[in-house]
Each structure stands twice: as structure tokens, then as C-alpha cells.
Amino acid sequence: MTHRAPTRVAAALQGLCPRCGARDLFAGPVAFAPACARCGLDFAAFNVGDGAAAFLILIVGAILVIGAITLELSQSPPYWVHIIWVPIGITLTVGGLRIAKALLIFQEYSNRAREGKIVE
């Protein structure tokens, strides 16, 4: 049975294998599975690096700081109310990492890039 490759958006949002579309790209919240259970694509052969994490931290940090300052200036809540930024930050970071890492794997697979080399 032949499986169709997913679209870039579907692969990024759902954590799909870039070759067959199986939902087994991740073994944990942000950790890749060693390989696809359906088609056998070796996810360890891809190197997404830490670029996604570094870029994402800047974005999430800006969102949290702007949100906290806006809340403080508009409502002046007690300081304990700002504990809401912890789960929001964790959710944005983990969700963003999953999307960014899945997108980078998809791009590497679709461009046949491996460690800076084009694979024929």
C-alpha cells in the first residue's frame, strides 16, 4: 500500500512523517522517534539543530513580556496573578518547538538535505 506524503502545514501541525504521513514523528513532547513505524524513515539522519529553539525563545519571551506588561498596566492585579504566564510560556514553547522541528524535518526531507549535503 502506497502512502501519500503530507503537506508542509499538515506535517508541521500534526507531527507527521514527511514520507508517508504517519503520526509518529515524536516519541515525546519534543523528542523525535528514532524512525517511522510505518515506512521506516530514519529520523535520526536529520539534523534540525537548536536554531528553532533559539528563535522560538525570542518570540515566546516577547509574547510573555508584552502580555505581562499589558496586564499589569491595564488591570494592576495582585502579583500572584502573574503565575498564569508559566503555563502559557510552557504551552507556547512546547507547541512551538513541535511545529518548528516538524517543519524543519519536512523541509530537510523534501529538499533531500543531509548534514549540509544534497543526497542524490
N, C-alpha and C. Protein backbone atom coordinates (compact mmCIF):
# COMPACT_ATOMS: atom_id res chain seq x y z
N MET A 1 0.84 -1.18 0.00
CA MET A 1 0.00 0.00 0.00
C MET A 1 0.89 1.24 0.00
N THR A 2 0.64 2.13 -0.93
CA THR A 2 1.42 3.35 -1.03
C THR A 2 0.75 4.45 -0.22
N HIS A 3 1.57 5.17 0.53
CA HIS A 3 1.05 6.26 1.35
C HIS A 3 1.48 7.58 0.73
N ARG A 4 0.58 8.55 0.80
CA ARG A 4 0.88 9.86 0.24
C ARG A 4 1.64 10.71 1.24
N ALA A 5 2.58 11.48 0.75
CA ALA A 5 3.32 12.41 1.59
C ALA A 5 2.38 13.53 2.03
N PRO A 6 2.51 13.97 3.28
CA PRO A 6 1.64 15.04 3.76
C PRO A 6 2.07 16.40 3.23
N THR A 7 1.20 17.38 3.36
CA THR A 7 1.57 18.74 3.01
C THR A 7 2.47 19.30 4.11
N ARG A 8 3.14 20.37 3.80
CA ARG A 8 4.05 21.02 4.76
C ARG A 8 3.30 21.44 6.03
N VAL A 9 2.14 22.05 5.85
CA VAL A 9 1.36 22.54 7.00
C VAL A 9 0.87 21.37 7.85
N ALA A 10 0.33 20.34 7.22
CA ALA A 10 -0.16 19.18 7.96
C ALA A 10 0.97 18.50 8.72
N ALA A 11 2.11 18.34 8.07
CA ALA A 11 3.26 17.69 8.73
C ALA A 11 3.71 18.50 9.93
N ALA A 12 3.75 19.81 9.81
CA ALA A 12 4.21 20.66 10.92
C ALA A 12 3.21 20.67 12.07
N LEU A 13 1.94 20.83 11.77
CA LEU A 13 0.94 20.96 12.83
C LEU A 13 0.60 19.63 13.52
N GLN A 14 0.72 18.53 12.79
CA GLN A 14 0.30 17.24 13.34
C GLN A 14 1.46 16.30 13.67
N GLY A 15 2.70 16.70 13.38
CA GLY A 15 3.85 15.85 13.66
C GLY A 15 3.86 14.59 12.81
N LEU A 16 3.68 14.76 11.50
CA LEU A 16 3.59 13.63 10.58
C LEU A 16 4.94 13.28 9.97
N CYS A 17 5.11 12.02 9.65
CA CYS A 17 6.28 11.57 8.91
C CYS A 17 6.26 12.25 7.55
N PRO A 18 7.37 12.86 7.12
CA PRO A 18 7.37 13.56 5.83
C PRO A 18 7.25 12.63 4.62
N ARG A 19 7.55 11.36 4.80
CA ARG A 19 7.47 10.42 3.67
C ARG A 19 6.07 9.84 3.51
N CYS A 20 5.50 9.32 4.61
CA CYS A 20 4.23 8.59 4.48
C CYS A 20 3.05 9.23 5.19
N GLY A 21 3.30 10.20 6.05
CA GLY A 21 2.21 10.88 6.74
C GLY A 21 1.75 10.23 8.02
N ALA A 22 2.48 9.22 8.51
CA ALA A 22 2.11 8.59 9.78
C ALA A 22 2.33 9.57 10.93
N ARG A 23 1.52 9.46 11.95
CA ARG A 23 1.62 10.36 13.11
C ARG A 23 2.59 9.81 14.14
N ASP A 24 3.81 9.58 13.76
CA ASP A 24 4.77 9.03 14.71
C ASP A 24 6.12 9.72 14.66
N LEU A 25 6.13 11.01 14.31
CA LEU A 25 7.38 11.77 14.25
C LEU A 25 7.98 11.96 15.64
N PHE A 26 7.13 12.14 16.64
CA PHE A 26 7.60 12.42 18.00
C PHE A 26 7.40 11.23 18.93
N ALA A 27 8.42 10.97 19.76
CA ALA A 27 8.33 9.93 20.78
C ALA A 27 7.98 10.53 22.14
N GLY A 28 8.13 11.84 22.27
CA GLY A 28 7.82 12.55 23.50
C GLY A 28 7.32 13.93 23.15
N PRO A 29 7.21 14.82 24.13
CA PRO A 29 6.71 16.16 23.84
C PRO A 29 7.48 16.88 22.73
N VAL A 30 8.80 16.82 22.75
CA VAL A 30 9.59 17.45 21.67
C VAL A 30 10.72 16.54 21.18
N ALA A 31 10.75 15.30 21.63
CA ALA A 31 11.80 14.36 21.22
C ALA A 31 11.33 13.55 20.01
N PHE A 32 12.20 13.46 19.01
CA PHE A 32 11.87 12.68 17.82
C PHE A 32 11.91 11.19 18.12
N ALA A 33 11.06 10.45 17.42
CA ALA A 33 11.14 9.00 17.44
C ALA A 33 12.37 8.60 16.64
N PRO A 34 12.93 7.42 16.88
CA PRO A 34 14.11 7.02 16.11
C PRO A 34 13.83 6.83 14.62
N ALA A 35 12.65 6.30 14.29
CA ALA A 35 12.29 6.06 12.89
C ALA A 35 10.77 5.96 12.79
N CYS A 36 10.28 6.08 11.58
CA CYS A 36 8.84 5.96 11.33
C CYS A 36 8.44 4.49 11.45
N ALA A 37 7.40 4.22 12.21
CA ALA A 37 6.95 2.84 12.39
C ALA A 37 6.31 2.28 11.12
N ARG A 38 5.76 3.14 10.27
CA ARG A 38 5.08 2.67 9.08
C ARG A 38 6.02 2.47 7.89
N CYS A 39 6.83 3.48 7.57
CA CYS A 39 7.66 3.39 6.36
C CYS A 39 9.15 3.18 6.65
N GLY A 40 9.57 3.32 7.92
CA GLY A 40 10.95 3.07 8.29
C GLY A 40 11.91 4.23 8.07
N LEU A 41 11.40 5.43 7.73
CA LEU A 41 12.27 6.59 7.53
C LEU A 41 13.05 6.87 8.81
N ASP A 42 14.37 6.97 8.70
CA ASP A 42 15.24 7.19 9.85
C ASP A 42 15.26 8.68 10.20
N PHE A 43 14.58 9.05 11.29
CA PHE A 43 14.53 10.45 11.70
C PHE A 43 15.86 10.91 12.29
N ALA A 44 16.68 9.98 12.76
CA ALA A 44 17.99 10.34 13.32
C ALA A 44 18.94 10.86 12.25
N ALA A 45 18.65 10.59 10.99
CA ALA A 45 19.51 11.06 9.90
C ALA A 45 19.36 12.56 9.66
N PHE A 46 18.32 13.15 10.21
CA PHE A 46 18.07 14.58 10.04
C PHE A 46 18.66 15.35 11.20
N ASN A 47 19.14 16.56 10.92
CA ASN A 47 19.73 17.40 11.96
C ASN A 47 19.03 18.76 11.95
N VAL A 48 18.07 18.93 12.87
CA VAL A 48 17.37 20.21 12.92
C VAL A 48 18.08 21.22 13.80
N GLY A 49 19.02 20.77 14.62
CA GLY A 49 19.82 21.67 15.44
C GLY A 49 18.99 22.43 16.47
N ASP A 50 19.58 23.49 17.00
CA ASP A 50 18.94 24.28 18.04
C ASP A 50 18.45 25.63 17.52
N GLY A 51 18.52 25.84 16.23
CA GLY A 51 18.09 27.11 15.66
C GLY A 51 16.63 27.41 15.94
N ALA A 52 15.80 26.39 15.84
CA ALA A 52 14.37 26.59 16.10
C ALA A 52 14.13 26.99 17.54
N ALA A 53 14.84 26.36 18.46
CA ALA A 53 14.65 26.66 19.88
C ALA A 53 15.11 28.08 20.21
N ALA A 54 16.24 28.48 19.69
CA ALA A 54 16.75 29.82 19.98
C ALA A 54 15.82 30.89 19.43
N PHE A 55 15.36 30.71 18.22
CA PHE A 55 14.45 31.67 17.60
C PHE A 55 13.12 31.70 18.34
N LEU A 56 12.63 30.53 18.71
CA LEU A 56 11.35 30.42 19.40
C LEU A 56 11.38 31.09 20.77
N ILE A 57 12.48 30.95 21.49
CA ILE A 57 12.58 31.56 22.81
C ILE A 57 12.45 33.08 22.71
N LEU A 58 13.00 33.67 21.69
CA LEU A 58 12.86 35.11 21.50
C LEU A 58 11.40 35.50 21.26
N ILE A 59 10.71 34.73 20.45
CA ILE A 59 9.31 35.01 20.15
C ILE A 59 8.43 34.81 21.38
N VAL A 60 8.58 33.67 22.05
CA VAL A 60 7.77 33.39 23.24
C VAL A 60 8.09 34.39 24.34
N GLY A 61 9.36 34.72 24.52
CA GLY A 61 9.73 35.71 25.53
C GLY A 61 9.08 37.05 25.27
N ALA A 62 9.06 37.48 24.02
CA ALA A 62 8.43 38.76 23.68
C ALA A 62 6.93 38.72 23.94
N ILE A 63 6.28 37.62 23.59
CA ILE A 63 4.84 37.49 23.84
C ILE A 63 4.55 37.55 25.33
N LEU A 64 5.33 36.83 26.13
CA LEU A 64 5.10 36.80 27.58
C LEU A 64 5.35 38.17 28.22
N VAL A 65 6.42 38.83 27.83
CA VAL A 65 6.73 40.14 28.41
C VAL A 65 5.67 41.17 28.02
N ILE A 66 5.28 41.19 26.77
CA ILE A 66 4.24 42.12 26.33
C ILE A 66 2.92 41.83 27.05
N GLY A 67 2.58 40.56 27.16
CA GLY A 67 1.36 40.19 27.87
C GLY A 67 1.38 40.58 29.34
N ALA A 68 2.49 40.32 30.00
CA ALA A 68 2.60 40.65 31.43
C ALA A 68 2.56 42.16 31.66
N ILE A 69 3.25 42.90 30.84
CA ILE A 69 3.25 44.37 30.99
C ILE A 69 1.85 44.93 30.69
N THR A 70 1.22 44.43 29.64
CA THR A 70 -0.12 44.89 29.30
C THR A 70 -1.10 44.60 30.43
N LEU A 71 -1.05 43.37 30.97
CA LEU A 71 -1.94 43.01 32.07
C LEU A 71 -1.68 43.90 33.29
N GLU A 72 -0.41 44.09 33.61
CA GLU A 72 -0.07 44.90 34.79
C GLU A 72 -0.53 46.35 34.63
N LEU A 73 -0.30 46.93 33.49
CA LEU A 73 -0.66 48.34 33.30
C LEU A 73 -2.17 48.57 33.14
N SER A 74 -2.87 47.59 32.58
CA SER A 74 -4.30 47.79 32.35
C SER A 74 -5.17 47.39 33.54
N GLN A 75 -4.75 46.38 34.29
CA GLN A 75 -5.59 45.86 35.38
C GLN A 75 -4.99 46.01 36.77
N SER A 76 -3.68 46.14 36.86
CA SER A 76 -2.97 46.19 38.14
C SER A 76 -3.40 45.07 39.10
N PRO A 77 -3.29 43.81 38.64
CA PRO A 77 -3.73 42.70 39.51
C PRO A 77 -2.70 42.43 40.61
N PRO A 78 -3.07 41.63 41.61
CA PRO A 78 -2.07 41.22 42.61
C PRO A 78 -0.93 40.45 41.90
N TYR A 79 0.25 40.47 42.49
CA TYR A 79 1.40 39.84 41.83
C TYR A 79 1.22 38.34 41.58
N TRP A 80 0.46 37.65 42.45
CA TRP A 80 0.30 36.21 42.27
C TRP A 80 -0.47 35.88 40.99
N VAL A 81 -1.22 36.82 40.44
CA VAL A 81 -1.96 36.58 39.20
C VAL A 81 -0.99 36.32 38.04
N HIS A 82 0.20 36.85 38.12
CA HIS A 82 1.16 36.68 37.04
C HIS A 82 1.70 35.25 36.93
N ILE A 83 1.26 34.36 37.82
CA ILE A 83 1.64 32.95 37.71
C ILE A 83 1.05 32.35 36.42
N ILE A 84 0.04 33.00 35.85
CA ILE A 84 -0.56 32.49 34.60
C ILE A 84 0.45 32.44 33.47
N TRP A 85 1.51 33.21 33.55
CA TRP A 85 2.49 33.24 32.46
C TRP A 85 3.34 31.99 32.40
N VAL A 86 3.42 31.25 33.50
CA VAL A 86 4.20 30.00 33.50
C VAL A 86 3.56 28.96 32.58
N PRO A 87 2.30 28.57 32.78
CA PRO A 87 1.72 27.57 31.85
C PRO A 87 1.59 28.09 30.42
N ILE A 88 1.34 29.38 30.27
CA ILE A 88 1.26 29.94 28.92
C ILE A 88 2.62 29.82 28.23
N GLY A 89 3.68 30.14 28.95
CA GLY A 89 5.03 30.03 28.40
C GLY A 89 5.40 28.60 28.04
N ILE A 90 5.07 27.67 28.93
CA ILE A 90 5.37 26.25 28.66
C ILE A 90 4.60 25.76 27.45
N THR A 91 3.33 26.10 27.37
CA THR A 91 2.49 25.67 26.25
C THR A 91 3.00 26.24 24.92
N LEU A 92 3.30 27.54 24.92
CA LEU A 92 3.81 28.16 23.69
C LEU A 92 5.16 27.58 23.27
N THR A 93 6.02 27.31 24.24
CA THR A 93 7.35 26.77 23.94
C THR A 93 7.27 25.35 23.40
N VAL A 94 6.57 24.47 24.10
CA VAL A 94 6.47 23.07 23.65
C VAL A 94 5.72 22.99 22.33
N GLY A 95 4.60 23.69 22.22
CA GLY A 95 3.85 23.66 20.97
C GLY A 95 4.64 24.24 19.81
N GLY A 96 5.32 25.33 20.06
CA GLY A 96 6.13 25.95 19.02
C GLY A 96 7.31 25.09 18.59
N LEU A 97 7.95 24.42 19.57
CA LEU A 97 9.07 23.53 19.24
C LEU A 97 8.61 22.36 18.38
N ARG A 98 7.47 21.78 18.74
CA ARG A 98 6.96 20.66 17.94
C ARG A 98 6.70 21.10 16.50
N ILE A 99 6.07 22.24 16.34
CA ILE A 99 5.75 22.72 14.98
C ILE A 99 7.03 23.05 14.22
N ALA A 100 7.95 23.77 14.87
CA ALA A 100 9.19 24.18 14.19
C ALA A 100 10.05 22.98 13.83
N LYS A 101 10.20 22.03 14.76
CA LYS A 101 11.04 20.86 14.49
C LYS A 101 10.43 19.99 13.40
N ALA A 102 9.11 19.81 13.43
CA ALA A 102 8.45 19.02 12.39
C ALA A 102 8.59 19.69 11.02
N LEU A 103 8.47 21.02 11.00
CA LEU A 103 8.62 21.75 9.75
C LEU A 103 10.05 21.62 9.20
N LEU A 104 11.04 21.72 10.08
CA LEU A 104 12.44 21.59 9.64
C LEU A 104 12.74 20.19 9.11
N ILE A 105 12.21 19.16 9.76
CA ILE A 105 12.39 17.79 9.26
C ILE A 105 11.74 17.64 7.89
N PHE A 106 10.53 18.18 7.76
CA PHE A 106 9.84 18.12 6.47
C PHE A 106 10.67 18.79 5.39
N GLN A 107 11.19 19.97 5.68
CA GLN A 107 12.00 20.71 4.70
C GLN A 107 13.27 19.94 4.34
N GLU A 108 13.94 19.38 5.33
CA GLU A 108 15.15 18.59 5.04
C GLU A 108 14.81 17.39 4.17
N TYR A 109 13.71 16.72 4.49
CA TYR A 109 13.33 15.55 3.70
C TYR A 109 12.95 15.94 2.27
N SER A 110 12.13 16.97 2.14
CA SER A 110 11.66 17.35 0.80
C SER A 110 12.78 17.91 -0.07
N ASN A 111 13.80 18.51 0.55
CA ASN A 111 14.94 19.03 -0.21
C ASN A 111 16.10 18.03 -0.28
N ARG A 112 15.90 16.86 0.29
CA ARG A 112 16.91 15.79 0.34
C ARG A 112 18.24 16.30 0.90
N ALA A 113 18.17 17.12 1.92
CA ALA A 113 19.39 17.67 2.54
C ALA A 113 19.79 16.80 3.73
N ARG A 114 21.06 16.50 3.81
CA ARG A 114 21.59 15.74 4.94
C ARG A 114 22.92 16.37 5.33
N GLU A 115 23.01 16.91 6.52
CA GLU A 115 24.24 17.48 7.06
C GLU A 115 24.91 18.44 6.06
N GLY A 116 24.12 19.29 5.44
CA GLY A 116 24.65 20.29 4.54
C GLY A 116 24.96 19.78 3.15
N LYS A 117 24.59 18.55 2.84
CA LYS A 117 24.85 17.96 1.53
C LYS A 117 23.54 17.56 0.88
N ILE A 118 23.51 17.63 -0.41
CA ILE A 118 22.35 17.18 -1.17
C ILE A 118 22.54 15.70 -1.46
N VAL A 119 21.53 14.90 -1.12
CA VAL A 119 21.60 13.46 -1.35
C VAL A 119 20.91 13.16 -2.68
N GLU A 120 21.58 12.43 -3.52
CA GLU A 120 21.03 12.06 -4.84
C GLU A 120 20.10 10.90 -4.71
